[in-house]
Amino acid sequence: MPLPILKTPCYVQGKFKQALPFNAVLSGQRFSGPLQHLPASWLTSTILKLVHHINPAMVVGTVSSPSLLAPLVSMAQCITVSQPGAEPSLTASPVEDMRLLGSHFQSPSGNDPVTV
């Protein structure tokens, strides 16, 4: 079943050179220096708590080495895992399919991806 049209699609297509756990592939921002002119500490703290509530896997760096990083898989709206040469077209509507990752991602028949 196709997912709704994504408002800001970002496609990553390729192959990892070595096996990595999902939580080791990160996305986010890493800033080159300390942040300056921040709002009041109570507001900053409230915003960071909200961010952590929305994405508990988000890692927030320190004030001297600021960053906001989270596992890429936790930020994705749709994930498709394919064999080389069988990748879907990047212009087609995205369809979630992670069956190649194991039986947890298959329907009971084993032929269809799990739908949410």
PDB file of N, CA and C in Angstrom:
ATOM      1  N   MET A   1       0.840  -1.171   0.000  1.00  0.00           N
ATOM      2  CA  MET A   1       0.000   0.000   0.000  1.00  0.00           C
ATOM      3  C   MET A   1       0.888   1.238   0.000  1.00  0.00           C
ATOM      4  N   PRO A   2       0.770   2.116  -0.995  1.00  0.00           N
ATOM      5  CA  PRO A   2       1.608   3.319  -1.050  1.00  0.00           C
ATOM      6  C   PRO A   2       1.312   4.251   0.112  1.00  0.00           C
ATOM      7  N   LEU A   3       2.349   4.898   0.584  1.00  0.00           N
ATOM      8  CA  LEU A   3       2.198   5.874   1.651  1.00  0.00           C
ATOM      9  C   LEU A   3       1.744   7.204   1.064  1.00  0.00           C
ATOM     10  N   PRO A   4       1.224   8.112   1.886  1.00  0.00           N
ATOM     11  CA  PRO A   4       0.855   9.430   1.375  1.00  0.00           C
ATOM     12  C   PRO A   4       2.081  10.127   0.789  1.00  0.00           C
ATOM     13  N   ILE A   5       1.847  11.070  -0.085  1.00  0.00           N
ATOM     14  CA  ILE A   5       2.943  11.815  -0.699  1.00  0.00           C
ATOM     15  C   ILE A   5       3.719  12.536   0.393  1.00  0.00           C
ATOM     16  N   LEU A   6       5.034  12.388   0.368  1.00  0.00           N
ATOM     17  CA  LEU A   6       5.888  13.025   1.358  1.00  0.00           C
ATOM     18  C   LEU A   6       6.058  14.496   1.015  1.00  0.00           C
ATOM     19  N   LYS A   7       6.060  15.326   2.025  1.00  0.00           N
ATOM     20  CA  LYS A   7       6.199  16.757   1.795  1.00  0.00           C
ATOM     21  C   LYS A   7       7.650  17.135   1.490  1.00  0.00           C
ATOM     22  N   THR A   8       8.597  16.488   2.129  1.00  0.00           N
ATOM     23  CA  THR A   8      10.008  16.762   1.890  1.00  0.00           C
ATOM     24  C   THR A   8      10.726  15.430   1.712  1.00  0.00           C
ATOM     25  N   PRO A   9      10.663  14.866   0.522  1.00  0.00           N
ATOM     26  CA  PRO A   9      11.309  13.561   0.349  1.00  0.00           C
ATOM     27  C   PRO A   9      12.837  13.679   0.332  1.00  0.00           C
ATOM     28  N   CYS A  10      13.473  12.717   0.935  1.00  0.00           N
ATOM     29  CA  CYS A  10      14.925  12.615   0.928  1.00  0.00           C
ATOM     30  C   CYS A  10      15.232  11.137   0.751  1.00  0.00           C
ATOM     31  N   TYR A  11      15.821  10.790  -0.363  1.00  0.00           N
ATOM     32  CA  TYR A  11      16.093   9.393  -0.666  1.00  0.00           C
ATOM     33  C   TYR A  11      17.565   9.097  -0.455  1.00  0.00           C
ATOM     34  N   VAL A  12      17.839   7.965   0.181  1.00  0.00           N
ATOM     35  CA  VAL A  12      19.200   7.489   0.349  1.00  0.00           C
ATOM     36  C   VAL A  12      19.234   6.125  -0.309  1.00  0.00           C
ATOM     37  N   GLN A  13      20.078   5.989  -1.310  1.00  0.00           N
ATOM     38  CA  GLN A  13      20.158   4.723  -2.020  1.00  0.00           C
ATOM     39  C   GLN A  13      21.620   4.340  -2.107  1.00  0.00           C
ATOM     40  N   GLY A  14      21.935   3.148  -1.698  1.00  0.00           N
ATOM     41  CA  GLY A  14      23.310   2.689  -1.749  1.00  0.00           C
ATOM     42  C   GLY A  14      23.471   1.412  -0.959  1.00  0.00           C
ATOM     43  N   LYS A  15      24.711   1.036  -0.754  1.00  0.00           N
ATOM     44  CA  LYS A  15      25.008  -0.205  -0.053  1.00  0.00           C
ATOM     45  C   LYS A  15      26.089   0.079   0.985  1.00  0.00           C
ATOM     46  N   PHE A  16      25.920  -0.441   2.179  1.00  0.00           N
ATOM     47  CA  PHE A  16      26.931  -0.288   3.212  1.00  0.00           C
ATOM     48  C   PHE A  16      28.092  -1.230   2.931  1.00  0.00           C
ATOM     49  N   LYS A  17      29.295  -0.763   3.195  1.00  0.00           N
ATOM     50  CA  LYS A  17      30.482  -1.579   2.966  1.00  0.00           C
ATOM     51  C   LYS A  17      30.679  -2.607   4.071  1.00  0.00           C
ATOM     52  N   GLN A  18      30.073  -2.357   5.221  1.00  0.00           N
ATOM     53  CA  GLN A  18      30.143  -3.298   6.338  1.00  0.00           C
ATOM     54  C   GLN A  18      28.816  -3.272   7.077  1.00  0.00           C
ATOM     55  N   ALA A  19      28.539  -4.350   7.797  1.00  0.00           N
ATOM     56  CA  ALA A  19      27.292  -4.440   8.554  1.00  0.00           C
ATOM     57  C   ALA A  19      27.314  -3.429   9.702  1.00  0.00           C
ATOM     58  N   LEU A  20      26.218  -2.694   9.846  1.00  0.00           N
ATOM     59  CA  LEU A  20      26.082  -1.718  10.923  1.00  0.00           C
ATOM     60  C   LEU A  20      24.720  -1.877  11.579  1.00  0.00           C
ATOM     61  N   PRO A  21      24.651  -1.692  12.894  1.00  0.00           N
ATOM     62  CA  PRO A  21      23.329  -1.682  13.529  1.00  0.00           C
ATOM     63  C   PRO A  21      22.598  -0.397  13.138  1.00  0.00           C
ATOM     64  N   PHE A  22      21.282  -0.474  13.111  1.00  0.00           N
ATOM     65  CA  PHE A  22      20.488   0.694  12.729  1.00  0.00           C
ATOM     66  C   PHE A  22      20.827   1.922  13.557  1.00  0.00           C
ATOM     67  N   ASN A  23      21.097   1.743  14.846  1.00  0.00           N
ATOM     68  CA  ASN A  23      21.331   2.910  15.699  1.00  0.00           C
ATOM     69  C   ASN A  23      22.708   3.544  15.490  1.00  0.00           C
ATOM     70  N   ALA A  24      23.535   2.991  14.593  1.00  0.00           N
ATOM     71  CA  ALA A  24      24.850   3.571  14.303  1.00  0.00           C
ATOM     72  C   ALA A  24      24.827   4.476  13.073  1.00  0.00           C
ATOM     73  N   VAL A  25      23.729   4.469  12.331  1.00  0.00           N
ATOM     74  CA  VAL A  25      23.601   5.309  11.140  1.00  0.00           C
ATOM     75  C   VAL A  25      22.789   6.532  11.553  1.00  0.00           C
ATOM     76  N   LEU A  26      23.463   7.666  11.698  1.00  0.00           N
ATOM     77  CA  LEU A  26      22.844   8.852  12.282  1.00  0.00           C
ATOM     78  C   LEU A  26      22.538   9.924  11.249  1.00  0.00           C
ATOM     79  N   SER A  27      21.572  10.744  11.588  1.00  0.00           N
ATOM     80  CA  SER A  27      21.230  11.921  10.800  1.00  0.00           C
ATOM     81  C   SER A  27      20.992  13.060  11.778  1.00  0.00           C
ATOM     82  N   GLY A  28      21.216  14.264  11.326  1.00  0.00           N
ATOM     83  CA  GLY A  28      20.969  15.406  12.195  1.00  0.00           C
ATOM     84  C   GLY A  28      21.914  16.539  11.884  1.00  0.00           C
ATOM     85  N   GLN A  29      22.216  17.322  12.899  1.00  0.00           N
ATOM     86  CA  GLN A  29      23.091  18.475  12.745  1.00  0.00           C
ATOM     87  C   GLN A  29      24.217  18.404  13.774  1.00  0.00           C
ATOM     88  N   ARG A  30      25.405  18.724  13.321  1.00  0.00           N
ATOM     89  CA  ARG A  30      26.545  18.887  14.219  1.00  0.00           C
ATOM     90  C   ARG A  30      27.120  20.268  13.906  1.00  0.00           C
ATOM     91  N   PHE A  31      27.162  21.123  14.902  1.00  0.00           N
ATOM     92  CA  PHE A  31      27.571  22.502  14.698  1.00  0.00           C
ATOM     93  C   PHE A  31      29.075  22.646  14.906  1.00  0.00           C
ATOM     94  N   SER A  32      29.686  23.596  14.200  1.00  0.00           N
ATOM     95  CA  SER A  32      31.139  23.736  14.220  1.00  0.00           C
ATOM     96  C   SER A  32      31.674  24.428  15.472  1.00  0.00           C
ATOM     97  N   GLY A  33      30.834  25.106  16.181  1.00  0.00           N
ATOM     98  CA  GLY A  33      31.294  25.798  17.385  1.00  0.00           C
ATOM     99  C   GLY A  33      30.157  25.959  18.364  1.00  0.00           C
ATOM    100  N   PRO A  34      30.459  26.526  19.521  1.00  0.00           N
ATOM    101  CA  PRO A  34      29.416  26.720  20.535  1.00  0.00           C
ATOM    102  C   PRO A  34      28.294  27.617  20.016  1.00  0.00           C
ATOM    103  N   LEU A  35      27.090  27.328  20.460  1.00  0.00           N
ATOM    104  CA  LEU A  35      25.946  28.157  20.087  1.00  0.00           C
ATOM    105  C   LEU A  35      25.987  29.443  20.911  1.00  0.00           C
ATOM    106  N   GLN A  36      25.579  30.511  20.278  1.00  0.00           N
ATOM    107  CA  GLN A  36      25.586  31.807  20.951  1.00  0.00           C
ATOM    108  C   GLN A  36      24.192  32.408  20.911  1.00  0.00           C
ATOM    109  N   HIS A  37      23.932  33.304  21.831  1.00  0.00           N
ATOM    110  CA  HIS A  37      22.674  34.053  21.892  1.00  0.00           C
ATOM    111  C   HIS A  37      21.467  33.110  22.005  1.00  0.00           C
ATOM    112  N   LEU A  38      21.580  32.126  22.891  1.00  0.00           N
ATOM    113  CA  LEU A  38      20.475  31.186  23.115  1.00  0.00           C
ATOM    114  C   LEU A  38      19.383  31.849  23.939  1.00  0.00           C
ATOM    115  N   PRO A  39      18.149  31.377  23.804  1.00  0.00           N
ATOM    116  CA  PRO A  39      17.080  31.908  24.664  1.00  0.00           C
ATOM    117  C   PRO A  39      17.317  31.487  26.119  1.00  0.00           C
ATOM    118  N   ALA A  40      16.444  31.939  26.988  1.00  0.00           N
ATOM    119  CA  ALA A  40      16.563  31.633  28.423  1.00  0.00           C
ATOM    120  C   ALA A  40      16.718  30.125  28.637  1.00  0.00           C
ATOM    121  N   SER A  41      17.477  29.735  29.647  1.00  0.00           N
ATOM    122  CA  SER A  41      17.771  28.318  29.885  1.00  0.00           C
ATOM    123  C   SER A  41      16.508  27.499  30.120  1.00  0.00           C
ATOM    124  N   TRP A  42      15.480  28.086  30.777  1.00  0.00           N
ATOM    125  CA  TRP A  42      14.254  27.330  31.000  1.00  0.00           C
ATOM    126  C   TRP A  42      13.566  27.020  29.666  1.00  0.00           C
ATOM    127  N   LEU A  43      13.628  27.944  28.699  1.00  0.00           N
ATOM    128  CA  LEU A  43      13.022  27.717  27.392  1.00  0.00           C
ATOM    129  C   LEU A  43      13.812  26.673  26.603  1.00  0.00           C
ATOM    130  N   THR A  44      15.122  26.788  26.628  1.00  0.00           N
ATOM    131  CA  THR A  44      15.976  25.808  25.954  1.00  0.00           C
ATOM    132  C   THR A  44      15.733  24.418  26.527  1.00  0.00           C
ATOM    133  N   SER A  45      15.661  24.318  27.842  1.00  0.00           N
ATOM    134  CA  SER A  45      15.415  23.032  28.501  1.00  0.00           C
ATOM    135  C   SER A  45      14.058  22.456  28.097  1.00  0.00           C
ATOM    136  N   THR A  46      13.037  23.304  28.039  1.00  0.00           N
ATOM    137  CA  THR A  46      11.696  22.864  27.646  1.00  0.00           C
ATOM    138  C   THR A  46      11.692  22.352  26.206  1.00  0.00           C
ATOM    139  N   ILE A  47      12.370  23.065  25.316  1.00  0.00           N
ATOM    140  CA  ILE A  47      12.433  22.655  23.913  1.00  0.00           C
ATOM    141  C   ILE A  47      13.148  21.318  23.779  1.00  0.00           C
ATOM    142  N   LEU A  48      14.256  21.136  24.503  1.00  0.00           N
ATOM    143  CA  LEU A  48      14.999  19.880  24.432  1.00  0.00           C
ATOM    144  C   LEU A  48      14.185  18.717  24.995  1.00  0.00           C
ATOM    145  N   LYS A  49      13.399  18.969  26.030  1.00  0.00           N
ATOM    146  CA  LYS A  49      12.524  17.918  26.571  1.00  0.00           C
ATOM    147  C   LYS A  49      11.465  17.533  25.542  1.00  0.00           C
ATOM    148  N   LEU A  50      10.927  18.520  24.835  1.00  0.00           N
ATOM    149  CA  LEU A  50       9.933  18.248  23.794  1.00  0.00           C
ATOM    150  C   LEU A  50      10.562  17.428  22.665  1.00  0.00           C
ATOM    151  N   VAL A  51      11.755  17.815  22.246  1.00  0.00           N
ATOM    152  CA  VAL A  51      12.456  17.071  21.194  1.00  0.00           C
ATOM    153  C   VAL A  51      12.686  15.632  21.637  1.00  0.00           C
ATOM    154  N   HIS A  52      13.118  15.442  22.875  1.00  0.00           N
ATOM    155  CA  HIS A  52      13.348  14.086  23.387  1.00  0.00           C
ATOM    156  C   HIS A  52      12.047  13.298  23.481  1.00  0.00           C
ATOM    157  N   HIS A  53      10.948  13.960  23.784  1.00  0.00           N
ATOM    158  CA  HIS A  53       9.650  13.287  23.845  1.00  0.00           C
ATOM    159  C   HIS A  53       9.217  12.827  22.453  1.00  0.00           C
ATOM    160  N   ILE A  54       9.452  13.659  21.445  1.00  0.00           N
ATOM    161  CA  ILE A  54       9.085  13.318  20.070  1.00  0.00           C
ATOM    162  C   ILE A  54       9.979  12.207  19.540  1.00  0.00           C
ATOM    163  N   ASN A  55      11.272  12.273  19.819  1.00  0.00           N
ATOM    164  CA  ASN A  55      12.218  11.264  19.344  1.00  0.00           C
ATOM    165  C   ASN A  55      13.163  10.905  20.484  1.00  0.00           C
ATOM    166  N   PRO A  56      12.809   9.880  21.293  1.00  0.00           N
ATOM    167  CA  PRO A  56      13.635   9.510  22.440  1.00  0.00           C
ATOM    168  C   PRO A  56      15.064   9.099  22.069  1.00  0.00           C
ATOM    169  N   ALA A  57      15.292   8.710  20.833  1.00  0.00           N
ATOM    170  CA  ALA A  57      16.630   8.293  20.414  1.00  0.00           C
ATOM    171  C   ALA A  57      17.531   9.479  20.075  1.00  0.00           C
ATOM    172  N   MET A  58      16.985  10.677  20.057  1.00  0.00           N
ATOM    173  CA  MET A  58      17.757  11.882  19.722  1.00  0.00           C
ATOM    174  C   MET A  58      18.834  12.110  20.779  1.00  0.00           C
ATOM    175  N   VAL A  59      20.052  12.348  20.322  1.00  0.00           N
ATOM    176  CA  VAL A  59      21.168  12.644  21.214  1.00  0.00           C
ATOM    177  C   VAL A  59      21.513  14.116  21.041  1.00  0.00           C
ATOM    178  N   VAL A  60      21.504  14.842  22.140  1.00  0.00           N
ATOM    179  CA  VAL A  60      21.805  16.270  22.126  1.00  0.00           C
ATOM    180  C   VAL A  60      23.201  16.463  22.673  1.00  0.00           C
ATOM    181  N   GLY A  61      24.049  17.161  21.920  1.00  0.00           N
ATOM    182  CA  GLY A  61      25.420  17.419  22.349  1.00  0.00           C
ATOM    183  C   GLY A  61      25.480  18.451  23.452  1.00  0.00           C
ATOM    184  N   THR A  62      26.684  18.747  23.874  1.00  0.00           N
ATOM    185  CA  THR A  62      26.897  19.732  24.932  1.00  0.00           C
ATOM    186  C   THR A  62      26.890  21.139  24.353  1.00  0.00           C
ATOM    187  N   VAL A  63      26.867  22.131  25.220  1.00  0.00           N
ATOM    188  CA  VAL A  63      26.873  23.521  24.773  1.00  0.00           C
ATOM    189  C   VAL A  63      28.167  23.833  24.029  1.00  0.00           C
ATOM    190  N   SER A  64      29.293  23.277  24.468  1.00  0.00           N
ATOM    191  CA  SER A  64      30.573  23.553  23.807  1.00  0.00           C
ATOM    192  C   SER A  64      30.743  22.779  22.502  1.00  0.00           C
ATOM    193  N   SER A  65      30.023  21.675  22.348  1.00  0.00           N
ATOM    194  CA  SER A  65      30.084  20.874  21.117  1.00  0.00           C
ATOM    195  C   SER A  65      28.657  20.483  20.732  1.00  0.00           C
ATOM    196  N   PRO A  66      27.867  21.463  20.279  1.00  0.00           N
ATOM    197  CA  PRO A  66      26.436  21.219  20.067  1.00  0.00           C
ATOM    198  C   PRO A  66      26.143  20.319  18.865  1.00  0.00           C
ATOM    199  N   SER A  67      25.148  19.457  19.050  1.00  0.00           N
ATOM    200  CA  SER A  67      24.677  18.596  17.971  1.00  0.00           C
ATOM    201  C   SER A  67      23.289  18.071  18.321  1.00  0.00           C
ATOM    202  N   LEU A  68      22.568  17.690  17.299  1.00  0.00           N
ATOM    203  CA  LEU A  68      21.280  17.010  17.424  1.00  0.00           C
ATOM    204  C   LEU A  68      21.348  15.840  16.459  1.00  0.00           C
ATOM    205  N   LEU A  69      21.543  14.636  16.988  1.00  0.00           N
ATOM    206  CA  LEU A  69      21.709  13.452  16.151  1.00  0.00           C
ATOM    207  C   LEU A  69      20.725  12.372  16.582  1.00  0.00           C
ATOM    208  N   ALA A  70      20.220  11.638  15.604  1.00  0.00           N
ATOM    209  CA  ALA A  70      19.300  10.544  15.887  1.00  0.00           C
ATOM    210  C   ALA A  70      19.518   9.454  14.843  1.00  0.00           C
ATOM    211  N   PRO A  71      19.206   8.214  15.192  1.00  0.00           N
ATOM    212  CA  PRO A  71      19.300   7.161  14.188  1.00  0.00           C
ATOM    213  C   PRO A  71      18.432   7.504  12.976  1.00  0.00           C
ATOM    214  N   LEU A  72      18.998   7.378  11.792  1.00  0.00           N
ATOM    215  CA  LEU A  72      18.282   7.699  10.564  1.00  0.00           C
ATOM    216  C   LEU A  72      16.966   6.933  10.484  1.00  0.00           C
ATOM    217  N   VAL A  73      16.973   5.686  10.914  1.00  0.00           N
ATOM    218  CA  VAL A  73      15.768   4.860  10.826  1.00  0.00           C
ATOM    219  C   VAL A  73      14.632   5.424  11.688  1.00  0.00           C
ATOM    220  N   SER A  74      14.964   6.122  12.773  1.00  0.00           N
ATOM    221  CA  SER A  74      13.910   6.679  13.632  1.00  0.00           C
ATOM    222  C   SER A  74      13.304   7.944  13.041  1.00  0.00           C
ATOM    223  N   MET A  75      13.961   8.513  12.028  1.00  0.00           N
ATOM    224  CA  MET A  75      13.472   9.744  11.423  1.00  0.00           C
ATOM    225  C   MET A  75      12.780   9.493  10.083  1.00  0.00           C
ATOM    226  N   ALA A  76      12.888   8.283   9.565  1.00  0.00           N
ATOM    227  CA  ALA A  76      12.336   7.972   8.247  1.00  0.00           C
ATOM    228  C   ALA A  76      10.832   7.741   8.308  1.00  0.00           C
ATOM    229  N   GLN A  77      10.133   8.234   7.298  1.00  0.00           N
ATOM    230  CA  GLN A  77       8.703   7.960   7.176  1.00  0.00           C
ATOM    231  C   GLN A  77       8.471   6.654   6.446  1.00  0.00           C
ATOM    232  N   CYS A  78       9.416   6.236   5.633  1.00  0.00           N
ATOM    233  CA  CYS A  78       9.266   5.040   4.816  1.00  0.00           C
ATOM    234  C   CYS A  78      10.649   4.447   4.571  1.00  0.00           C
ATOM    235  N   ILE A  79      10.776   3.121   4.719  1.00  0.00           N
ATOM    236  CA  ILE A  79      12.048   2.441   4.476  1.00  0.00           C
ATOM    237  C   ILE A  79      11.788   1.288   3.521  1.00  0.00           C
ATOM    238  N   THR A  80      12.608   1.215   2.494  1.00  0.00           N
ATOM    239  CA  THR A  80      12.545   0.104   1.551  1.00  0.00           C
ATOM    240  C   THR A  80      13.937  -0.507   1.472  1.00  0.00           C
ATOM    241  N   VAL A  81      14.025  -1.815   1.709  1.00  0.00           N
ATOM    242  CA  VAL A  81      15.288  -2.540   1.611  1.00  0.00           C
ATOM    243  C   VAL A  81      15.169  -3.453   0.402  1.00  0.00           C
ATOM    244  N   SER A  82      16.127  -3.346  -0.533  1.00  0.00           N
ATOM    245  CA  SER A  82      16.058  -4.096  -1.782  1.00  0.00           C
ATOM    246  C   SER A  82      17.384  -4.781  -2.081  1.00  0.00           C
ATOM    247  N   GLN A  83      17.315  -5.820  -2.890  1.00  0.00           N
ATOM    248  CA  GLN A  83      18.523  -6.448  -3.418  1.00  0.00           C
ATOM    249  C   GLN A  83      19.130  -5.513  -4.459  1.00  0.00           C
ATOM    250  N   PRO A  84      20.453  -5.521  -4.630  1.00  0.00           N
ATOM    251  CA  PRO A  84      21.059  -4.711  -5.692  1.00  0.00           C
ATOM    252  C   PRO A  84      20.435  -5.054  -7.046  1.00  0.00           C
ATOM    253  N   GLY A  85      20.078  -4.028  -7.779  1.00  0.00           N
ATOM    254  CA  GLY A  85      19.451  -4.213  -9.084  1.00  0.00           C
ATOM    255  C   GLY A  85      17.941  -4.267  -9.034  1.00  0.00           C
ATOM    256  N   ALA A  86      17.370  -4.410  -7.833  1.00  0.00           N
ATOM    257  CA  ALA A  86      15.911  -4.490  -7.690  1.00  0.00           C
ATOM    258  C   ALA A  86      15.354  -3.274  -6.952  1.00  0.00           C
ATOM    259  N   GLU A  87      16.116  -2.200  -6.910  1.00  0.00           N
ATOM    260  CA  GLU A  87      15.685  -0.998  -6.200  1.00  0.00           C
ATOM    261  C   GLU A  87      14.493  -0.381  -6.911  1.00  0.00           C
ATOM    262  N   PRO A  88      13.537   0.182  -6.132  1.00  0.00           N
ATOM    263  CA  PRO A  88      12.411   0.868  -6.761  1.00  0.00           C
ATOM    264  C   PRO A  88      12.870   2.179  -7.401  1.00  0.00           C
ATOM    265  N   SER A  89      12.103   2.648  -8.330  1.00  0.00           N
ATOM    266  CA  SER A  89      12.405   3.927  -8.976  1.00  0.00           C
ATOM    267  C   SER A  89      12.300   5.048  -7.945  1.00  0.00           C
ATOM    268  N   LEU A  90      13.220   5.990  -8.021  1.00  0.00           N
ATOM    269  CA  LEU A  90      13.186   7.122  -7.099  1.00  0.00           C
ATOM    270  C   LEU A  90      12.061   8.095  -7.428  1.00  0.00           C
ATOM    271  N   THR A  91      11.439   7.944  -8.597  1.00  0.00           N
ATOM    272  CA  THR A  91      10.331   8.823  -8.963  1.00  0.00           C
ATOM    273  C   THR A  91       8.980   8.218  -8.624  1.00  0.00           C
ATOM    274  N   ALA A  92       8.951   6.943  -8.226  1.00  0.00           N
ATOM    275  CA  ALA A  92       7.691   6.286  -7.866  1.00  0.00           C
ATOM    276  C   ALA A  92       7.290   6.656  -6.435  1.00  0.00           C
ATOM    277  N   SER A  93       6.021   6.492  -6.121  1.00  0.00           N
ATOM    278  CA  SER A  93       5.558   6.710  -4.746  1.00  0.00           C
ATOM    279  C   SER A  93       6.250   5.697  -3.833  1.00  0.00           C
ATOM    280  N   PRO A  94       6.729   6.132  -2.670  1.00  0.00           N
ATOM    281  CA  PRO A  94       7.438   5.210  -1.785  1.00  0.00           C
ATOM    282  C   PRO A  94       6.516   4.148  -1.202  1.00  0.00           C
ATOM    283  N   VAL A  95       7.041   2.936  -1.098  1.00  0.00           N
ATOM    284  CA  VAL A  95       6.313   1.816  -0.495  1.00  0.00           C
ATOM    285  C   VAL A  95       7.230   1.179   0.539  1.00  0.00           C
ATOM    286  N   GLU A  96       6.761   1.090   1.765  1.00  0.00           N
ATOM    287  CA  GLU A  96       7.550   0.493   2.845  1.00  0.00           C
ATOM    288  C   GLU A  96       7.723  -0.999   2.579  1.00  0.00           C
ATOM    289  N   ASP A  97       8.969  -1.484   2.632  1.00  0.00           N
ATOM    290  CA  ASP A  97       9.242  -2.905   2.438  1.00  0.00           C
ATOM    291  C   ASP A  97      10.586  -3.241   3.070  1.00  0.00           C
ATOM    292  N   MET A  98      10.541  -3.897   4.219  1.00  0.00           N
ATOM    293  CA  MET A  98      11.762  -4.275   4.922  1.00  0.00           C
ATOM    294  C   MET A  98      11.845  -5.788   5.097  1.00  0.00           C
ATOM    295  N   ARG A  99      11.166  -6.546   4.235  1.00  0.00           N
ATOM    296  CA  ARG A  99      11.133  -8.009   4.360  1.00  0.00           C
ATOM    297  C   ARG A  99      12.513  -8.636   4.363  1.00  0.00           C
ATOM    298  N   LEU A 100      13.469  -8.050   3.658  1.00  0.00           N
ATOM    299  CA  LEU A 100      14.815  -8.625   3.588  1.00  0.00           C
ATOM    300  C   LEU A 100      15.536  -8.575   4.930  1.00  0.00           C
ATOM    301  N   LEU A 101      15.018  -7.806   5.877  1.00  0.00           N
ATOM    302  CA  LEU A 101      15.642  -7.709   7.197  1.00  0.00           C
ATOM    303  C   LEU A 101      15.239  -8.847   8.122  1.00  0.00           C
ATOM    304  N   GLY A 102      14.260  -9.653   7.727  1.00  0.00           N
ATOM    305  CA  GLY A 102      13.885 -10.796   8.550  1.00  0.00           C
ATOM    306  C   GLY A 102      12.393 -10.970   8.681  1.00  0.00           C
ATOM    307  N   SER A 103      12.019 -12.060   9.318  1.00  0.00           N
ATOM    308  CA  SER A 103      10.608 -12.448   9.410  1.00  0.00           C
ATOM    309  C   SER A 103       9.764 -11.473  10.223  1.00  0.00           C
ATOM    310  N   HIS A 104      10.375 -10.680  11.096  1.00  0.00           N
ATOM    311  CA  HIS A 104       9.603  -9.691  11.864  1.00  0.00           C
ATOM    312  C   HIS A 104       8.968  -8.644  10.962  1.00  0.00           C
ATOM    313  N   PHE A 105       9.505  -8.495   9.761  1.00  0.00           N
ATOM    314  CA  PHE A 105       9.043  -7.475   8.834  1.00  0.00           C
ATOM    315  C   PHE A 105       8.222  -8.062   7.698  1.00  0.00           C
ATOM    316  N   GLN A 106       7.722  -9.290   7.884  1.00  0.00           N
ATOM    317  CA  GLN A 106       6.912  -9.943   6.866  1.00  0.00           C
ATOM    318  C   GLN A 106       5.523 -10.227   7.411  1.00  0.00           C
ATOM    319  N   SER A 107       4.573 -10.318   6.491  1.00  0.00           N
ATOM    320  CA  SER A 107       3.230 -10.744   6.882  1.00  0.00           C
ATOM    321  C   SER A 107       3.302 -12.235   7.210  1.00  0.00           C
ATOM    322  N   PRO A 108       2.287 -12.793   7.851  1.00  0.00           N
ATOM    323  CA  PRO A 108       2.305 -14.222   8.167  1.00  0.00           C
ATOM    324  C   PRO A 108       2.537 -15.117   6.942  1.00  0.00           C
ATOM    325  N   SER A 109       2.097 -14.673   5.761  1.00  0.00           N
ATOM    326  CA  SER A 109       2.308 -15.485   4.567  1.00  0.00           C
ATOM    327  C   SER A 109       3.752 -15.421   4.095  1.00  0.00           C
ATOM    328  N   GLY A 110       4.482 -14.394   4.528  1.00  0.00           N
ATOM    329  CA  GLY A 110       5.879 -14.235   4.129  1.00  0.00           C
ATOM    330  C   GLY A 110       6.058 -13.563   2.796  1.00  0.00           C
ATOM    331  N   ASN A 111       4.958 -13.298   2.104  1.00  0.00           N
ATOM    332  CA  ASN A 111       5.041 -12.717   0.757  1.00  0.00           C
ATOM    333  C   ASN A 111       4.867 -11.220   0.729  1.00  0.00           C
ATOM    334  N   ASP A 112       4.272 -10.661   1.754  1.00  0.00           N
ATOM    335  CA  ASP A 112       3.954  -9.245   1.750  1.00  0.00           C
ATOM    336  C   ASP A 112       4.658  -8.541   2.906  1.00  0.00           C
ATOM    337  N   PRO A 113       5.007  -7.259   2.712  1.00  0.00           N
ATOM    338  CA  PRO A 113       5.581  -6.516   3.825  1.00  0.00           C
ATOM    339  C   PRO A 113       4.531  -6.279   4.904  1.00  0.00           C
ATOM    340  N   VAL A 114       4.978  -6.074   6.122  1.00  0.00           N
ATOM    341  CA  VAL A 114       4.080  -5.734   7.217  1.00  0.00           C
ATOM    342  C   VAL A 114       3.571  -4.338   6.967  1.00  0.00           C
ATOM    343  N   THR A 115       2.275  -4.133   7.101  1.00  0.00           N
ATOM    344  CA  THR A 115       1.705  -2.796   6.949  1.00  0.00           C
ATOM    345  C   THR A 115       1.254  -2.300   8.306  1.00  0.00           C
ATOM    346  N   VAL A 116       1.386  -1.020   8.514  1.00  0.00           N
ATOM    347  CA  VAL A 116       1.020  -0.421   9.793  1.00  0.00           C
ATOM    348  C   VAL A 116      -0.319   0.271   9.648  1.00  0.00           C
TER     349      VAL A 116
END
